C-alpha atoms as a PDB file:
ATOM      1  CA  MET A   1      37.656   0.492 -43.587  1.00  0.00           C
ATOM      2  CA  LYS A   2      37.885  -0.926 -40.065  1.00  0.00           C
ATOM      3  CA  ILE A   3      37.842   2.533 -38.466  1.00  0.00           C
ATOM      4  CA  LEU A   4      34.779   3.505 -40.479  1.00  0.00           C
ATOM      5  CA  HIS A   5      33.066   0.332 -39.281  1.00  0.00           C
ATOM      6  CA  TYR A   6      33.832   1.186 -35.612  1.00  0.00           C
ATOM      7  CA  VAL A   7      32.566   4.745 -36.054  1.00  0.00           C
ATOM      8  CA  HIS A   8      29.371   3.396 -37.544  1.00  0.00           C
ATOM      9  CA  LEU A   9      28.899   0.956 -34.644  1.00  0.00           C
ATOM     10  CA  HIS A  10      29.656   3.755 -32.194  1.00  0.00           C
ATOM     11  CA  PHE A  11      26.841   5.921 -33.625  1.00  0.00           C
ATOM     12  CA  ILE A  12      24.389   3.018 -33.598  1.00  0.00           C
ATOM     13  CA  LEU A  13      25.245   2.300 -29.962  1.00  0.00           C
ATOM     14  CA  LEU A  14      24.867   6.002 -29.135  1.00  0.00           C
ATOM     15  CA  PHE A  15      21.452   6.091 -30.851  1.00  0.00           C
ATOM     16  CA  VAL A  16      20.204   2.980 -29.016  1.00  0.00           C
ATOM     17  CA  THR A  17      21.433   4.324 -25.671  1.00  0.00           C
ATOM     18  CA  THR A  18      19.732   7.687 -26.253  1.00  0.00           C
ATOM     19  CA  ALA A  19      16.467   6.001 -27.252  1.00  0.00           C
ATOM     20  CA  LEU A  20      16.597   3.831 -24.127  1.00  0.00           C
ATOM     21  CA  LEU A  21      17.199   6.833 -21.868  1.00  0.00           C
ATOM     22  CA  CYS A  22      14.310   8.743 -23.461  1.00  0.00           C
ATOM     23  CA  THR A  23      12.033   5.751 -22.902  1.00  0.00           C
ATOM     24  CA  LEU A  24      13.040   5.560 -19.234  1.00  0.00           C
ATOM     25  CA  VAL A  25      12.376   9.284 -18.768  1.00  0.00           C
ATOM     26  CA  LEU A  26       8.913   8.947 -20.326  1.00  0.00           C
ATOM     27  CA  ILE A  27       8.128   6.020 -18.033  1.00  0.00           C
ATOM     28  CA  GLN A  28       9.158   8.083 -14.996  1.00  0.00           C
ATOM     29  CA  ILE A  29       6.990  11.019 -16.091  1.00  0.00           C
ATOM     30  CA  THR A  30       4.024   8.704 -16.558  1.00  0.00           C
ATOM     31  CA  LYS A  31       4.515   7.220 -13.088  1.00  0.00           C
ATOM     32  CA  LYS A  32       4.551  10.711 -11.548  1.00  0.00           C
ATOM     33  CA  GLN A  33       1.072  11.425 -12.859  1.00  0.00           C
ATOM     34  CA  LYS A  34      -0.956  10.143  -9.946  1.00  0.00           C
ATOM     35  CA  LYS A  35      -4.375   8.779 -10.455  1.00  0.00           C
ATOM     36  CA  THR A  36      -7.385  10.879  -9.608  1.00  0.00           C
ATOM     37  CA  LYS A  37     -10.989  10.000 -10.265  1.00  0.00           C
ATOM     38  CA  GLN A  38     -13.464  12.497 -11.655  1.00  0.00           C
ATOM     39  CA  LEU A  39     -16.962  11.650 -10.483  1.00  0.00           C
ATOM     40  CA  THR A  40     -19.971  11.692 -12.758  1.00  0.00           C
ATOM     41  CA  LYS A  41     -22.796  14.082 -11.949  1.00  0.00           C
ATOM     42  CA  GLU A  42     -24.980  11.164 -10.846  1.00  0.00           C
ATOM     43  CA  LYS A  43     -22.323   9.701  -8.542  1.00  0.00           C
ATOM     44  CA  TYR A  44     -21.606  13.140  -7.082  1.00  0.00           C
ATOM     45  CA  GLN A  45     -25.294  13.862  -6.440  1.00  0.00           C
ATOM     46  CA  SER A  46     -25.745  10.464  -4.807  1.00  0.00           C
ATOM     47  CA  THR A  47     -23.380  11.608  -2.037  1.00  0.00           C
ATOM     48  CA  MET A  48     -25.589  14.585  -1.165  1.00  0.00           C
ATOM     49  CA  ILE A  49     -27.942  12.801   1.221  1.00  0.00           C
ATOM     50  CA  GLY A  50     -30.348  15.124   3.023  1.00  0.00           C
ATOM     51  CA  LYS A  51     -29.160  18.586   3.897  1.00  0.00           C
ATOM     52  CA  MET A  52     -25.490  19.473   3.582  1.00  0.00           C
ATOM     53  CA  LEU A  53     -24.148  20.978   6.805  1.00  0.00           C
ATOM     54  CA  GLU A  54     -21.231  23.385   6.673  1.00  0.00           C
ATOM     55  CA  ILE A  55     -18.522  22.450   9.156  1.00  0.00           C
ATOM     56  CA  ALA A  56     -15.514  24.391  10.386  1.00  0.00           C
ATOM     57  CA  ARG A  57     -12.327  23.958   8.388  1.00  0.00           C
ATOM     58  CA  ILE A  58     -10.417  23.413  11.623  1.00  0.00           C
ATOM     59  CA  ASP A  59     -12.578  20.425  12.586  1.00  0.00           C
ATOM     60  CA  THR A  60     -10.125  17.665  13.534  1.00  0.00           C
ATOM     61  CA  SER A  61     -12.296  14.934  12.024  1.00  0.00           C
ATOM     62  CA  ILE A  62     -11.799  16.257   8.474  1.00  0.00           C
ATOM     63  CA  PHE A  63     -10.146  13.641   6.268  1.00  0.00           C
ATOM     64  CA  ASN A  64      -6.551  14.308   5.114  1.00  0.00           C
ATOM     65  CA  ILE A  65      -7.028  15.438   1.517  1.00  0.00           C
ATOM     66  CA  TRP A  66      -3.556  16.868   0.844  1.00  0.00           C
ATOM     67  CA  PRO A  67      -2.052  13.882  -1.000  1.00  0.00           C
ATOM     68  CA  TYR A  68      -5.069  13.894  -3.337  1.00  0.00           C
ATOM     69  CA  VAL A  69      -4.794  17.691  -3.754  1.00  0.00           C
ATOM     70  CA  SER A  70      -1.159  17.228  -4.755  1.00  0.00           C
ATOM     71  CA  ASN A  71      -2.224  14.671  -7.367  1.00  0.00           C
ATOM     72  CA  LEU A  72      -4.862  17.091  -8.694  1.00  0.00           C
ATOM     73  CA  GLN A  73      -2.175  19.761  -9.056  1.00  0.00           C
ATOM     74  CA  THR A  74       0.196  17.331 -10.755  1.00  0.00           C
ATOM     75  CA  ASN A  75      -2.541  16.385 -13.214  1.00  0.00           C
ATOM     76  CA  LYS A  76      -3.366  20.092 -13.741  1.00  0.00           C
ATOM     77  CA  VAL A  77      -6.935  19.810 -12.476  1.00  0.00           C
ATOM     78  CA  LEU A  78      -6.028  22.408  -9.831  1.00  0.00           C
ATOM     79  CA  SER A  79      -3.738  25.364 -10.331  1.00  0.00           C
ATOM     80  CA  ASN A  80      -0.495  25.643  -8.389  1.00  0.00           C
ATOM     81  CA  LYS A  81      -0.984  29.423  -8.248  1.00  0.00           C
ATOM     82  CA  ILE A  82      -3.477  29.275  -5.377  1.00  0.00           C
ATOM     83  CA  LYS A  83      -1.814  29.313  -1.966  1.00  0.00           C
ATOM     84  CA  GLU A  84      -2.432  26.265   0.207  1.00  0.00           C
ATOM     85  CA  ARG A  85      -3.988  28.254   3.050  1.00  0.00           C
ATOM     86  CA  GLU A  86      -6.507  29.784   0.598  1.00  0.00           C
ATOM     87  CA  LEU A  87      -7.294  26.536  -1.178  1.00  0.00           C
ATOM     88  CA  ILE A  88     -10.091  25.160   1.029  1.00  0.00           C
ATOM     89  CA  HIS A  89     -13.176  27.285   0.469  1.00  0.00           C
ATOM     90  CA  LYS A  90     -15.730  25.368   2.558  1.00  0.00           C
ATOM     91  CA  VAL A  91     -16.343  21.906   3.949  1.00  0.00           C
ATOM     92  CA  TYR A  92     -19.757  20.221   4.065  1.00  0.00           C
ATOM     93  CA  ARG A  93     -21.104  16.977   5.512  1.00  0.00           C
ATOM     94  CA  ASP A  94     -24.314  15.275   4.587  1.00  0.00           C
ATOM     95  CA  SER A  95     -26.987  14.783   7.252  1.00  0.00           C
ATOM     96  CA  THR A  96     -26.057  11.102   7.691  1.00  0.00           C
ATOM     97  CA  GLN A  97     -22.408  12.015   8.413  1.00  0.00           C
ATOM     98  CA  GLU A  98     -21.374   9.522   5.718  1.00  0.00           C
ATOM     99  CA  PHE A  99     -19.929  11.886   3.103  1.00  0.00           C
ATOM    100  CA  GLU A 100     -17.777  14.970   3.324  1.00  0.00           C
ATOM    101  CA  HIS A 101     -17.437  17.500   0.500  1.00  0.00           C
ATOM    102  CA  VAL A 102     -14.355  19.695   0.536  1.00  0.00           C
ATOM    103  CA  LEU A 103     -14.705  22.648  -1.839  1.00  0.00           C
ATOM    104  CA  LEU A 104     -11.376  23.812  -3.232  1.00  0.00           C
ATOM    105  CA  SER A 105     -11.037  27.248  -4.774  1.00  0.00           C
ATOM    106  CA  THR A 106     -10.060  27.611  -8.400  1.00  0.00           C
ATOM    107  CA  GLU A 107      -8.884  30.600 -10.386  1.00  0.00           C
ATOM    108  CA  LYS A 108     -12.444  31.217 -11.618  1.00  0.00           C
ATOM    109  CA  GLU A 109     -14.956  32.771  -9.255  1.00  0.00           C
ATOM    110  CA  ASN A 110     -17.791  30.439  -8.145  1.00  0.00           C
ATOM    111  CA  ASN A 111     -16.035  27.413  -9.660  1.00  0.00           C
ATOM    112  CA  PHE A 112     -14.773  24.735  -7.323  1.00  0.00           C
ATOM    113  CA  VAL A 113     -13.155  21.332  -7.323  1.00  0.00           C
ATOM    114  CA  VAL A 114     -15.118  19.260  -4.808  1.00  0.00           C
ATOM    115  CA  ILE A 115     -13.304  16.370  -3.190  1.00  0.00           C
ATOM    116  CA  VAL A 116     -15.815  13.771  -1.999  1.00  0.00           C
ATOM    117  CA  VAL A 117     -14.744  11.719   1.009  1.00  0.00           C
ATOM    118  CA  ASP A 118     -16.496   8.562   2.166  1.00  0.00           C
ATOM    119  CA  LYS A 119     -16.129   8.856   5.935  1.00  0.00           C
ATOM    120  CA  LYS A 120     -17.281   5.295   6.645  1.00  0.00           C
ATOM    121  CA  LYS A 121     -14.727   3.744   4.297  1.00  0.00           C
ATOM    122  CA  LYS A 122     -12.166   6.430   5.216  1.00  0.00           C
ATOM    123  CA  LYS A 123     -11.182   7.078   1.623  1.00  0.00           C
ATOM    124  CA  ILE A 124     -11.562   9.641  -1.110  1.00  0.00           C
ATOM    125  CA  MET A 125     -14.190   8.684  -3.694  1.00  0.00           C
ATOM    126  CA  GLY A 126     -12.981  11.234  -6.230  1.00  0.00           C
ATOM    127  CA  HIS A 127     -13.554  14.820  -7.290  1.00  0.00           C
ATOM    128  CA  TYR A 128     -16.201  16.776  -9.125  1.00  0.00           C
ATOM    129  CA  LEU A 129     -15.885  20.064 -11.023  1.00  0.00           C
ATOM    130  CA  LEU A 130     -18.586  22.332  -9.641  1.00  0.00           C
ATOM    131  CA  ASP A 131     -19.312  25.448 -11.686  1.00  0.00           C
ATOM    132  CA  GLN A 132     -22.601  26.659 -10.253  1.00  0.00           C
ATOM    133  CA  ASP A 133     -23.769  28.759  -7.312  1.00  0.00           C
ATOM    134  CA  GLY A 134     -26.229  27.504  -4.737  1.00  0.00           C
ATOM    135  CA  LYS A 135     -25.526  23.809  -5.231  1.00  0.00           C
ATOM    136  CA  TYR A 136     -25.739  22.982  -1.523  1.00  0.00           C
ATOM    137  CA  ASP A 137     -28.981  22.820   0.429  1.00  0.00           C
ATOM    138  CA  LEU A 138     -27.704  24.291   3.674  1.00  0.00           C
ATOM    139  CA  VAL A 139     -29.081  24.350   7.197  1.00  0.00           C
ATOM    140  CA  ALA A 140     -29.027  27.868   8.641  1.00  0.00           C
END
């Protein structure tokens, strides 16, 4: 009878330990999902002040977007299949030099993830899923 009691306690302890480990793993997975902010259409359009000017991708004043891009890939907004050097499609700035739009390529043609950067505050406002052609009023 005593041995049966110890076996029973052993299985209960094993069950509790397994449940605790599973809970810890789920907490770690949740922490790995970094926060990204999808902008509304209105908020996105409010950052397009005046004409949007295309700038060179090698411009040194472009904000560092790579940590945010990594978060987008972790959250499956962006595919991991696209190579990093092919990811940036174009970069635009508004006429006031306040906002920067970095268009990231997706697996679908003419669909982009646009990262909006507030240059004055030096931070990323969020991203917008752009699925239309001709969205930018460009200066030739």
